[in-house]
Amino acid sequence: MILKEKSWIWYLTFPFAHNDNTTIGNTLYFIKGQPPTHLQVAHEEIHSRQQKEVGLLRFALKYLLCLPLFYNRFRFDCEMEAYMGGEKMSRDEALMYVKSNTYGWLQHE
């Protein structure tokens, strides 16, 4: 995985990806001055693999197009896999993150 610090252009993505790690293909863009931890890289490597499996454009459309408020099963499943597999969280810990405002209060049912 290639690591790159986000440039000023990412601020144009407000309120979405400007203040989080973002993976596009095999490149992880991280917040300026905040290199990712080993666990965050592992999380993003799972997203990189998911993008390869589904295709980058299809992944982006399914992940973002629904404006991920309340329910987006695809995004929910992707994030749960990344938190539980990459960051080694329990299902309950992962649910706390995915169901928060950070992810648009995603629901799993």
PDB file of N, CA and C in Angstrom:
ATOM      1  N   MET A   1       0.848  -1.173   0.000  1.00  0.00           N
ATOM      2  CA  MET A   1       0.000   0.000   0.000  1.00  0.00           C
ATOM      3  C   MET A   1       0.893   1.235   0.000  1.00  0.00           C
ATOM      4  N   ILE A   2       0.547   2.178  -0.837  1.00  0.00           N
ATOM      5  CA  ILE A   2       1.260   3.448  -0.932  1.00  0.00           C
ATOM      6  C   ILE A   2       0.604   4.439   0.032  1.00  0.00           C
ATOM      7  N   LEU A   3       1.396   5.113   0.843  1.00  0.00           N
ATOM      8  CA  LEU A   3       0.881   6.107   1.788  1.00  0.00           C
ATOM      9  C   LEU A   3       1.220   7.503   1.291  1.00  0.00           C
ATOM     10  N   LYS A   4       0.197   8.362   1.220  1.00  0.00           N
ATOM     11  CA  LYS A   4       0.406   9.755   0.801  1.00  0.00           C
ATOM     12  C   LYS A   4      -0.371  10.672   1.735  1.00  0.00           C
ATOM     13  N   GLU A   5       0.283  11.760   2.112  1.00  0.00           N
ATOM     14  CA  GLU A   5      -0.378  12.761   2.932  1.00  0.00           C
ATOM     15  C   GLU A   5      -1.373  13.539   2.068  1.00  0.00           C
ATOM     16  N   LYS A   6      -2.551  13.825   2.618  1.00  0.00           N
ATOM     17  CA  LYS A   6      -3.557  14.588   1.885  1.00  0.00           C
ATOM     18  C   LYS A   6      -3.087  16.023   1.687  1.00  0.00           C
ATOM     19  N   SER A   7      -3.372  16.549   0.508  1.00  0.00           N
ATOM     20  CA  SER A   7      -3.037  17.938   0.206  1.00  0.00           C
ATOM     21  C   SER A   7      -4.268  18.814   0.471  1.00  0.00           C
ATOM     22  N   TRP A   8      -4.150  20.076   0.250  1.00  0.00           N
ATOM     23  CA  TRP A   8      -5.221  21.034   0.495  1.00  0.00           C
ATOM     24  C   TRP A   8      -6.475  20.709  -0.319  1.00  0.00           C
ATOM     25  N   ILE A   9      -6.328  20.047  -1.456  1.00  0.00           N
ATOM     26  CA  ILE A   9      -7.466  19.761  -2.332  1.00  0.00           C
ATOM     27  C   ILE A   9      -8.532  18.918  -1.625  1.00  0.00           C
ATOM     28  N   TRP A  10      -8.119  18.109  -0.655  1.00  0.00           N
ATOM     29  CA  TRP A  10      -9.067  17.262   0.076  1.00  0.00           C
ATOM     30  C   TRP A  10     -10.066  18.085   0.881  1.00  0.00           C
ATOM     31  N   TYR A  11      -9.729  19.314   1.231  1.00  0.00           N
ATOM     32  CA  TYR A  11     -10.670  20.149   1.975  1.00  0.00           C
ATOM     33  C   TYR A  11     -11.910  20.465   1.152  1.00  0.00           C
ATOM     34  N   LEU A  12     -11.816  20.313  -0.168  1.00  0.00           N
ATOM     35  CA  LEU A  12     -12.973  20.531  -1.031  1.00  0.00           C
ATOM     36  C   LEU A  12     -14.000  19.408  -0.904  1.00  0.00           C
ATOM     37  N   THR A  13     -13.638  18.306  -0.272  1.00  0.00           N
ATOM     38  CA  THR A  13     -14.562  17.185  -0.113  1.00  0.00           C
ATOM     39  C   THR A  13     -15.409  17.314   1.147  1.00  0.00           C
ATOM     40  N   PHE A  14     -15.289  18.416   1.862  1.00  0.00           N
ATOM     41  CA  PHE A  14     -16.076  18.629   3.079  1.00  0.00           C
ATOM     42  C   PHE A  14     -17.553  18.450   2.762  1.00  0.00           C
ATOM     43  N   PRO A  15     -18.335  17.771   3.555  1.00  0.00           N
ATOM     44  CA  PRO A  15     -18.047  17.223   4.869  1.00  0.00           C
ATOM     45  C   PRO A  15     -17.627  15.757   4.833  1.00  0.00           C
ATOM     46  N   PHE A  16     -17.201  15.250   3.704  1.00  0.00           N
ATOM     47  CA  PHE A  16     -16.965  13.819   3.576  1.00  0.00           C
ATOM     48  C   PHE A  16     -15.544  13.397   3.914  1.00  0.00           C
ATOM     49  N   ALA A  17     -14.642  13.339   2.969  1.00  0.00           N
ATOM     50  CA  ALA A  17     -13.364  12.644   3.144  1.00  0.00           C
ATOM     51  C   ALA A  17     -12.194  13.531   3.548  1.00  0.00           C
ATOM     52  N   HIS A  18     -12.419  14.771   3.894  1.00  0.00           N
ATOM     53  CA  HIS A  18     -11.282  15.652   4.172  1.00  0.00           C
ATOM     54  C   HIS A  18     -10.592  15.349   5.501  1.00  0.00           C
ATOM     55  N   ASN A  19     -11.307  14.775   6.457  1.00  0.00           N
ATOM     56  CA  ASN A  19     -10.752  14.609   7.799  1.00  0.00           C
ATOM     57  C   ASN A  19     -10.636  13.141   8.216  1.00  0.00           C
ATOM     58  N   ASP A  20     -10.526  12.255   7.234  1.00  0.00           N
ATOM     59  CA  ASP A  20     -10.389  10.823   7.495  1.00  0.00           C
ATOM     60  C   ASP A  20      -9.363  10.244   6.538  1.00  0.00           C
ATOM     61  N   ASN A  21      -8.878   9.061   6.867  1.00  0.00           N
ATOM     62  CA  ASN A  21      -8.056   8.328   5.901  1.00  0.00           C
ATOM     63  C   ASN A  21      -8.952   7.909   4.746  1.00  0.00           C
ATOM     64  N   THR A  22      -8.415   7.954   3.542  1.00  0.00           N
ATOM     65  CA  THR A  22      -9.176   7.581   2.354  1.00  0.00           C
ATOM     66  C   THR A  22      -8.304   6.700   1.478  1.00  0.00           C
ATOM     67  N   THR A  23      -8.855   5.579   1.046  1.00  0.00           N
ATOM     68  CA  THR A  23      -8.125   4.673   0.165  1.00  0.00           C
ATOM     69  C   THR A  23      -8.757   4.680  -1.204  1.00  0.00           C
ATOM     70  N   ILE A  24      -7.937   4.904  -2.204  1.00  0.00           N
ATOM     71  CA  ILE A  24      -8.351   4.817  -3.600  1.00  0.00           C
ATOM     72  C   ILE A  24      -7.364   3.881  -4.269  1.00  0.00           C
ATOM     73  N   GLY A  25      -7.894   2.719  -4.681  1.00  0.00           N
ATOM     74  CA  GLY A  25      -7.006   1.715  -5.258  1.00  0.00           C
ATOM     75  C   GLY A  25      -6.022   1.229  -4.204  1.00  0.00           C
ATOM     76  N   ASN A  26      -4.736   1.343  -4.512  1.00  0.00           N
ATOM     77  CA  ASN A  26      -3.691   0.878  -3.604  1.00  0.00           C
ATOM     78  C   ASN A  26      -3.000   2.031  -2.871  1.00  0.00           C
ATOM     79  N   THR A  27      -3.651   3.195  -2.848  1.00  0.00           N
ATOM     80  CA  THR A  27      -3.063   4.366  -2.195  1.00  0.00           C
ATOM     81  C   THR A  27      -3.934   4.799  -1.028  1.00  0.00           C
ATOM     82  N   LEU A  28      -3.315   4.952   0.130  1.00  0.00           N
ATOM     83  CA  LEU A  28      -3.991   5.447   1.319  1.00  0.00           C
ATOM     84  C   LEU A  28      -3.588   6.908   1.496  1.00  0.00           C
ATOM     85  N   TYR A  29      -4.571   7.793   1.435  1.00  0.00           N
ATOM     86  CA  TYR A  29      -4.352   9.215   1.665  1.00  0.00           C
ATOM     87  C   TYR A  29      -4.697   9.494   3.127  1.00  0.00           C
ATOM     88  N   PHE A  30      -3.732  10.031   3.874  1.00  0.00           N
ATOM     89  CA  PHE A  30      -3.950  10.264   5.298  1.00  0.00           C
ATOM     90  C   PHE A  30      -3.931  11.753   5.609  1.00  0.00           C
ATOM     91  N   ILE A  31      -4.488  12.086   6.754  1.00  0.00           N
ATOM     92  CA  ILE A  31      -4.614  13.468   7.194  1.00  0.00           C
ATOM     93  C   ILE A  31      -3.230  14.069   7.402  1.00  0.00           C
ATOM     94  N   LYS A  32      -3.064  15.275   6.939  1.00  0.00           N
ATOM     95  CA  LYS A  32      -1.770  15.954   7.040  1.00  0.00           C
ATOM     96  C   LYS A  32      -1.260  15.943   8.476  1.00  0.00           C
ATOM     97  N   GLY A  33      -0.027  15.446   8.642  1.00  0.00           N
ATOM     98  CA  GLY A  33       0.617  15.412   9.944  1.00  0.00           C
ATOM     99  C   GLY A  33       0.171  14.267  10.838  1.00  0.00           C
ATOM    100  N   GLN A  34      -0.696  13.373  10.323  1.00  0.00           N
ATOM    101  CA  GLN A  34      -1.195  12.266  11.134  1.00  0.00           C
ATOM    102  C   GLN A  34      -1.049  10.945  10.378  1.00  0.00           C
ATOM    103  N   PRO A  35       0.172  10.442  10.249  1.00  0.00           N
ATOM    104  CA  PRO A  35       0.354   9.168   9.547  1.00  0.00           C
ATOM    105  C   PRO A  35      -0.476   8.069  10.203  1.00  0.00           C
ATOM    106  N   PRO A  36      -0.988   7.140   9.420  1.00  0.00           N
ATOM    107  CA  PRO A  36      -1.841   6.093   9.973  1.00  0.00           C
ATOM    108  C   PRO A  36      -1.057   5.089  10.803  1.00  0.00           C
ATOM    109  N   THR A  37      -1.756   4.492  11.750  1.00  0.00           N
ATOM    110  CA  THR A  37      -1.165   3.429  12.560  1.00  0.00           C
ATOM    111  C   THR A  37      -1.162   2.134  11.749  1.00  0.00           C
ATOM    112  N   HIS A  38      -0.477   1.134  12.267  1.00  0.00           N
ATOM    113  CA  HIS A  38      -0.435  -0.182  11.631  1.00  0.00           C
ATOM    114  C   HIS A  38      -1.857  -0.745  11.469  1.00  0.00           C
ATOM    115  N   LEU A  39      -2.694  -0.581  12.498  1.00  0.00           N
ATOM    116  CA  LEU A  39      -4.067  -1.093  12.428  1.00  0.00           C
ATOM    117  C   LEU A  39      -4.908  -0.329  11.414  1.00  0.00           C
ATOM    118  N   GLN A  40      -4.698   0.985  11.300  1.00  0.00           N
ATOM    119  CA  GLN A  40      -5.434   1.765  10.302  1.00  0.00           C
ATOM    120  C   GLN A  40      -5.029   1.354   8.885  1.00  0.00           C
ATOM    121  N   VAL A  41      -3.752   1.083   8.683  1.00  0.00           N
ATOM    122  CA  VAL A  41      -3.294   0.605   7.370  1.00  0.00           C
ATOM    123  C   VAL A  41      -3.939  -0.746   7.063  1.00  0.00           C
ATOM    124  N   ALA A  42      -3.998  -1.633   8.040  1.00  0.00           N
ATOM    125  CA  ALA A  42      -4.627  -2.943   7.840  1.00  0.00           C
ATOM    126  C   ALA A  42      -6.103  -2.777   7.477  1.00  0.00           C
ATOM    127  N   HIS A  43      -6.792  -1.840   8.125  1.00  0.00           N
ATOM    128  CA  HIS A  43      -8.191  -1.528   7.818  1.00  0.00           C
ATOM    129  C   HIS A  43      -8.312  -1.080   6.360  1.00  0.00           C
ATOM    130  N   GLU A  44      -7.459  -0.157   5.963  1.00  0.00           N
ATOM    131  CA  GLU A  44      -7.528   0.388   4.603  1.00  0.00           C
ATOM    132  C   GLU A  44      -7.092  -0.635   3.552  1.00  0.00           C
ATOM    133  N   GLU A  45      -6.212  -1.552   3.909  1.00  0.00           N
ATOM    134  CA  GLU A  45      -5.832  -2.619   2.969  1.00  0.00           C
ATOM    135  C   GLU A  45      -7.034  -3.500   2.639  1.00  0.00           C
ATOM    136  N   ILE A  46      -7.923  -3.684   3.602  1.00  0.00           N
ATOM    137  CA  ILE A  46      -9.146  -4.441   3.339  1.00  0.00           C
ATOM    138  C   ILE A  46     -10.018  -3.677   2.347  1.00  0.00           C
ATOM    139  N   HIS A  47     -10.122  -2.362   2.506  1.00  0.00           N
ATOM    140  CA  HIS A  47     -10.889  -1.572   1.536  1.00  0.00           C
ATOM    141  C   HIS A  47     -10.250  -1.638   0.143  1.00  0.00           C
ATOM    142  N   SER A  48      -8.934  -1.651   0.091  1.00  0.00           N
ATOM    143  CA  SER A  48      -8.239  -1.768  -1.188  1.00  0.00           C
ATOM    144  C   SER A  48      -8.598  -3.097  -1.869  1.00  0.00           C
ATOM    145  N   ARG A  49      -8.588  -4.168  -1.098  1.00  0.00           N
ATOM    146  CA  ARG A  49      -8.965  -5.482  -1.643  1.00  0.00           C
ATOM    147  C   ARG A  49     -10.425  -5.491  -2.089  1.00  0.00           C
ATOM    148  N   GLN A  50     -11.305  -4.879  -1.284  1.00  0.00           N
ATOM    149  CA  GLN A  50     -12.720  -4.811  -1.642  1.00  0.00           C
ATOM    150  C   GLN A  50     -12.901  -4.068  -2.970  1.00  0.00           C
ATOM    151  N   GLN A  51     -12.146  -2.987  -3.147  1.00  0.00           N
ATOM    152  CA  GLN A  51     -12.237  -2.217  -4.388  1.00  0.00           C
ATOM    153  C   GLN A  51     -11.801  -3.058  -5.585  1.00  0.00           C
ATOM    154  N   LYS A  52     -10.746  -3.845  -5.404  1.00  0.00           N
ATOM    155  CA  LYS A  52     -10.278  -4.716  -6.484  1.00  0.00           C
ATOM    156  C   LYS A  52     -11.315  -5.770  -6.835  1.00  0.00           C
ATOM    157  N   GLU A  53     -11.944  -6.345  -5.821  1.00  0.00           N
ATOM    158  CA  GLU A  53     -12.928  -7.400  -6.049  1.00  0.00           C
ATOM    159  C   GLU A  53     -14.170  -6.884  -6.774  1.00  0.00           C
ATOM    160  N   VAL A  54     -14.651  -5.716  -6.388  1.00  0.00           N
ATOM    161  CA  VAL A  54     -15.887  -5.163  -6.938  1.00  0.00           C
ATOM    162  C   VAL A  54     -15.618  -4.297  -8.163  1.00  0.00           C
ATOM    163  N   GLY A  55     -14.441  -3.729  -8.249  1.00  0.00           N
ATOM    164  CA  GLY A  55     -14.107  -2.745  -9.269  1.00  0.00           C
ATOM    165  C   GLY A  55     -14.204  -1.364  -8.644  1.00  0.00           C
ATOM    166  N   LEU A  56     -13.232  -0.517  -8.903  1.00  0.00           N
ATOM    167  CA  LEU A  56     -13.134   0.779  -8.231  1.00  0.00           C
ATOM    168  C   LEU A  56     -14.374   1.647  -8.456  1.00  0.00           C
ATOM    169  N   LEU A  57     -14.829   1.777  -9.678  1.00  0.00           N
ATOM    170  CA  LEU A  57     -15.984   2.637  -9.960  1.00  0.00           C
ATOM    171  C   LEU A  57     -17.249   2.080  -9.313  1.00  0.00           C
ATOM    172  N   ARG A  58     -17.467   0.798  -9.465  1.00  0.00           N
ATOM    173  CA  ARG A  58     -18.651   0.180  -8.865  1.00  0.00           C
ATOM    174  C   ARG A  58     -18.606   0.291  -7.342  1.00  0.00           C
ATOM    175  N   PHE A  59     -17.427   0.077  -6.754  1.00  0.00           N
ATOM    176  CA  PHE A  59     -17.261   0.216  -5.307  1.00  0.00           C
ATOM    177  C   PHE A  59     -17.632   1.638  -4.884  1.00  0.00           C
ATOM    178  N   ALA A  60     -17.086   2.640  -5.556  1.00  0.00           N
ATOM    179  CA  ALA A  60     -17.345   4.036  -5.194  1.00  0.00           C
ATOM    180  C   ALA A  60     -18.832   4.363  -5.287  1.00  0.00           C
ATOM    181  N   LEU A  61     -19.480   3.908  -6.331  1.00  0.00           N
ATOM    182  CA  LEU A  61     -20.907   4.185  -6.488  1.00  0.00           C
ATOM    183  C   LEU A  61     -21.730   3.515  -5.389  1.00  0.00           C
ATOM    184  N   LYS A  62     -21.435   2.259  -5.116  1.00  0.00           N
ATOM    185  CA  LYS A  62     -22.196   1.544  -4.096  1.00  0.00           C
ATOM    186  C   LYS A  62     -21.897   2.063  -2.694  1.00  0.00           C
ATOM    187  N   TYR A  63     -20.668   2.497  -2.464  1.00  0.00           N
ATOM    188  CA  TYR A  63     -20.243   2.955  -1.149  1.00  0.00           C
ATOM    189  C   TYR A  63     -20.750   4.364  -0.854  1.00  0.00           C
ATOM    190  N   LEU A  64     -20.757   5.232  -1.869  1.00  0.00           N
ATOM    191  CA  LEU A  64     -21.045   6.646  -1.646  1.00  0.00           C
ATOM    192  C   LEU A  64     -22.379   7.139  -2.187  1.00  0.00           C
ATOM    193  N   LEU A  65     -22.860   6.564  -3.247  1.00  0.00           N
ATOM    194  CA  LEU A  65     -24.000   7.133  -3.954  1.00  0.00           C
ATOM    195  C   LEU A  65     -25.249   7.257  -3.098  1.00  0.00           C
ATOM    196  N   CYS A  66     -25.441   6.359  -2.178  1.00  0.00           N
ATOM    197  CA  CYS A  66     -26.651   6.369  -1.357  1.00  0.00           C
ATOM    198  C   CYS A  66     -26.624   7.436  -0.275  1.00  0.00           C
ATOM    199  N   LEU A  67     -25.658   8.315  -0.301  1.00  0.00           N
ATOM    200  CA  LEU A  67     -25.476   9.247   0.813  1.00  0.00           C
ATOM    201  C   LEU A  67     -25.646   8.449   2.096  1.00  0.00           C
ATOM    202  N   PRO A  68     -24.601   7.885   2.581  1.00  0.00           N
ATOM    203  CA  PRO A  68     -24.701   6.815   3.569  1.00  0.00           C
ATOM    204  C   PRO A  68     -25.360   7.193   4.891  1.00  0.00           C
ATOM    205  N   LEU A  69     -26.542   7.750   4.814  1.00  0.00           N
ATOM    206  CA  LEU A  69     -27.289   8.030   6.036  1.00  0.00           C
ATOM    207  C   LEU A  69     -28.247   6.886   6.312  1.00  0.00           C
ATOM    208  N   PHE A  70     -28.214   6.417   7.514  1.00  0.00           N
ATOM    209  CA  PHE A  70     -29.141   5.436   8.049  1.00  0.00           C
ATOM    210  C   PHE A  70     -28.936   4.015   7.519  1.00  0.00           C
ATOM    211  N   TYR A  71     -29.002   3.790   6.207  1.00  0.00           N
ATOM    212  CA  TYR A  71     -28.907   2.420   5.732  1.00  0.00           C
ATOM    213  C   TYR A  71     -28.218   2.349   4.377  1.00  0.00           C
ATOM    214  N   ASN A  72     -27.114   1.681   4.344  1.00  0.00           N
ATOM    215  CA  ASN A  72     -26.397   1.360   3.117  1.00  0.00           C
ATOM    216  C   ASN A  72     -25.713   0.038   3.420  1.00  0.00           C
ATOM    217  N   ARG A  73     -26.362  -1.059   3.079  1.00  0.00           N
ATOM    218  CA  ARG A  73     -25.879  -2.390   3.460  1.00  0.00           C
ATOM    219  C   ARG A  73     -24.468  -2.651   2.936  1.00  0.00           C
ATOM    220  N   PHE A  74     -24.185  -2.204   1.713  1.00  0.00           N
ATOM    221  CA  PHE A  74     -22.860  -2.419   1.134  1.00  0.00           C
ATOM    222  C   PHE A  74     -21.793  -1.738   1.985  1.00  0.00           C
ATOM    223  N   ARG A  75     -22.005  -0.473   2.302  1.00  0.00           N
ATOM    224  CA  ARG A  75     -21.027   0.275   3.103  1.00  0.00           C
ATOM    225  C   ARG A  75     -20.905  -0.325   4.505  1.00  0.00           C
ATOM    226  N   PHE A  76     -22.032  -0.679   5.090  1.00  0.00           N
ATOM    227  CA  PHE A  76     -22.023  -1.301   6.412  1.00  0.00           C
ATOM    228  C   PHE A  76     -21.161  -2.562   6.407  1.00  0.00           C
ATOM    229  N   ASP A  77     -21.403  -3.447   5.444  1.00  0.00           N
ATOM    230  CA  ASP A  77     -20.642  -4.705   5.373  1.00  0.00           C
ATOM    231  C   ASP A  77     -19.154  -4.456   5.145  1.00  0.00           C
ATOM    232  N   CYS A  78     -18.826  -3.497   4.284  1.00  0.00           N
ATOM    233  CA  CYS A  78     -17.417  -3.171   4.016  1.00  0.00           C
ATOM    234  C   CYS A  78     -16.718  -2.679   5.278  1.00  0.00           C
ATOM    235  N   GLU A  79     -17.369  -1.775   5.997  1.00  0.00           N
ATOM    236  CA  GLU A  79     -16.744  -1.219   7.202  1.00  0.00           C
ATOM    237  C   GLU A  79     -16.646  -2.247   8.322  1.00  0.00           C
ATOM    238  N   MET A  80     -17.660  -3.067   8.477  1.00  0.00           N
ATOM    239  CA  MET A  80     -17.600  -4.106   9.512  1.00  0.00           C
ATOM    240  C   MET A  80     -16.431  -5.058   9.239  1.00  0.00           C
ATOM    241  N   GLU A  81     -16.282  -5.468   7.988  1.00  0.00           N
ATOM    242  CA  GLU A  81     -15.165  -6.353   7.639  1.00  0.00           C
ATOM    243  C   GLU A  81     -13.829  -5.680   7.922  1.00  0.00           C
ATOM    244  N   ALA A  82     -13.712  -4.397   7.575  1.00  0.00           N
ATOM    245  CA  ALA A  82     -12.447  -3.679   7.766  1.00  0.00           C
ATOM    246  C   ALA A  82     -12.127  -3.473   9.248  1.00  0.00           C
ATOM    247  N   TYR A  83     -13.128  -3.149  10.054  1.00  0.00           N
ATOM    248  CA  TYR A  83     -12.875  -2.967  11.490  1.00  0.00           C
ATOM    249  C   TYR A  83     -12.576  -4.285  12.184  1.00  0.00           C
ATOM    250  N   MET A  84     -13.359  -5.304  11.877  1.00  0.00           N
ATOM    251  CA  MET A  84     -13.169  -6.586  12.555  1.00  0.00           C
ATOM    252  C   MET A  84     -11.921  -7.312  12.053  1.00  0.00           C
ATOM    253  N   GLY A  85     -11.636  -7.228  10.756  1.00  0.00           N
ATOM    254  CA  GLY A  85     -10.485  -7.916  10.193  1.00  0.00           C
ATOM    255  C   GLY A  85      -9.195  -7.131  10.296  1.00  0.00           C
ATOM    256  N   GLY A  86      -9.244  -5.862   9.927  1.00  0.00           N
ATOM    257  CA  GLY A  86      -8.037  -5.046   9.906  1.00  0.00           C
ATOM    258  C   GLY A  86      -7.645  -4.506  11.266  1.00  0.00           C
ATOM    259  N   GLU A  87      -8.633  -4.027  12.003  1.00  0.00           N
ATOM    260  CA  GLU A  87      -8.339  -3.416  13.305  1.00  0.00           C
ATOM    261  C   GLU A  87      -8.602  -4.367  14.470  1.00  0.00           C
ATOM    262  N   LYS A  88      -8.992  -5.588  14.140  1.00  0.00           N
ATOM    263  CA  LYS A  88      -9.165  -6.649  15.140  1.00  0.00           C
ATOM    264  C   LYS A  88     -10.166  -6.283  16.231  1.00  0.00           C
ATOM    265  N   MET A  89     -11.213  -5.546  15.871  1.00  0.00           N
ATOM    266  CA  MET A  89     -12.250  -5.184  16.835  1.00  0.00           C
ATOM    267  C   MET A  89     -13.270  -6.309  16.947  1.00  0.00           C
ATOM    268  N   SER A  90     -13.919  -6.360  18.096  1.00  0.00           N
ATOM    269  CA  SER A  90     -15.046  -7.273  18.251  1.00  0.00           C
ATOM    270  C   SER A  90     -16.216  -6.717  17.433  1.00  0.00           C
ATOM    271  N   ARG A  91     -17.219  -7.547  17.210  1.00  0.00           N
ATOM    272  CA  ARG A  91     -18.405  -7.090  16.469  1.00  0.00           C
ATOM    273  C   ARG A  91     -19.060  -5.896  17.177  1.00  0.00           C
ATOM    274  N   ASP A  92     -19.159  -5.954  18.508  1.00  0.00           N
ATOM    275  CA  ASP A  92     -19.777  -4.856  19.251  1.00  0.00           C
ATOM    276  C   ASP A  92     -18.982  -3.563  19.129  1.00  0.00           C
ATOM    277  N   GLU A  93     -17.648  -3.658  19.201  1.00  0.00           N
ATOM    278  CA  GLU A  93     -16.810  -2.463  19.044  1.00  0.00           C
ATOM    279  C   GLU A  93     -16.978  -1.870  17.647  1.00  0.00           C
ATOM    280  N   ALA A  94     -16.966  -2.724  16.629  1.00  0.00           N
ATOM    281  CA  ALA A  94     -17.124  -2.255  15.253  1.00  0.00           C
ATOM    282  C   ALA A  94     -18.487  -1.599  15.064  1.00  0.00           C
ATOM    283  N   LEU A  95     -19.521  -2.187  15.634  1.00  0.00           N
ATOM    284  CA  LEU A  95     -20.871  -1.615  15.520  1.00  0.00           C
ATOM    285  C   LEU A  95     -20.931  -0.209  16.099  1.00  0.00           C
ATOM    286  N   MET A  96     -20.218   0.043  17.198  1.00  0.00           N
ATOM    287  CA  MET A  96     -20.207   1.384  17.795  1.00  0.00           C
ATOM    288  C   MET A  96     -19.712   2.420  16.791  1.00  0.00           C
ATOM    289  N   TYR A  97     -18.658   2.084  16.043  1.00  0.00           N
ATOM    290  CA  TYR A  97     -18.117   3.012  15.046  1.00  0.00           C
ATOM    291  C   TYR A  97     -19.057   3.175  13.865  1.00  0.00           C
ATOM    292  N   VAL A  98     -19.508   2.057  13.326  1.00  0.00           N
ATOM    293  CA  VAL A  98     -20.291   2.087  12.090  1.00  0.00           C
ATOM    294  C   VAL A  98     -21.657   2.730  12.302  1.00  0.00           C
ATOM    295  N   LYS A  99     -22.197   2.610  13.503  1.00  0.00           N
ATOM    296  CA  LYS A  99     -23.516   3.185  13.778  1.00  0.00           C
ATOM    297  C   LYS A  99     -23.425   4.622  14.305  1.00  0.00           C
ATOM    298  N   SER A 100     -22.233   5.218  14.296  1.00  0.00           N
ATOM    299  CA  SER A 100     -22.057   6.582  14.795  1.00  0.00           C
ATOM    300  C   SER A 100     -22.257   7.600  13.669  1.00  0.00           C
ATOM    301  N   ASN A 101     -22.215   8.870  14.037  1.00  0.00           N
ATOM    302  CA  ASN A 101     -22.345   9.932  13.040  1.00  0.00           C
ATOM    303  C   ASN A 101     -21.207   9.918  12.024  1.00  0.00           C
ATOM    304  N   THR A 102     -20.062   9.361  12.389  1.00  0.00           N
ATOM    305  CA  THR A 102     -18.927   9.280  11.470  1.00  0.00           C
ATOM    306  C   THR A 102     -19.308   8.565  10.181  1.00  0.00           C
ATOM    307  N   TYR A 103     -20.154   7.570  10.288  1.00  0.00           N
ATOM    308  CA  TYR A 103     -20.579   6.791   9.121  1.00  0.00           C
ATOM    309  C   TYR A 103     -22.034   7.060   8.753  1.00  0.00           C
ATOM    310  N   GLY A 104     -22.591   8.141   9.228  1.00  0.00           N
ATOM    311  CA  GLY A 104     -23.966   8.481   8.879  1.00  0.00           C
ATOM    312  C   GLY A 104     -24.983   7.602   9.570  1.00  0.00           C
ATOM    313  N   TRP A 105     -24.665   7.154  10.762  1.00  0.00           N
ATOM    314  CA  TRP A 105     -25.576   6.349  11.572  1.00  0.00           C
ATOM    315  C   TRP A 105     -26.060   5.097  10.824  1.00  0.00           C
ATOM    316  N   LEU A 106     -25.131   4.409  10.187  1.00  0.00           N
ATOM    317  CA  LEU A 106     -25.486   3.199   9.436  1.00  0.00           C
ATOM    318  C   LEU A 106     -26.150   2.173  10.337  1.00  0.00           C
ATOM    319  N   GLN A 107     -27.123   1.515   9.821  1.00  0.00           N
ATOM    320  CA  GLN A 107     -27.817   0.444  10.530  1.00  0.00           C
ATOM    321  C   GLN A 107     -27.506  -0.886   9.841  1.00  0.00           C
ATOM    322  N   HIS A 108     -27.651  -1.954  10.565  1.00  0.00           N
ATOM    323  CA  HIS A 108     -27.340  -3.256  10.005  1.00  0.00           C
ATOM    324  C   HIS A 108     -28.576  -4.076   9.681  1.00  0.00           C
ATOM    325  N   GLU A 109     -29.741  -3.574   9.917  1.00  0.00           N
ATOM    326  CA  GLU A 109     -30.970  -4.299   9.573  1.00  0.00           C
ATOM    327  C   GLU A 109     -31.913  -3.385   8.847  1.00  0.00           C
TER     328      GLU A 109
END
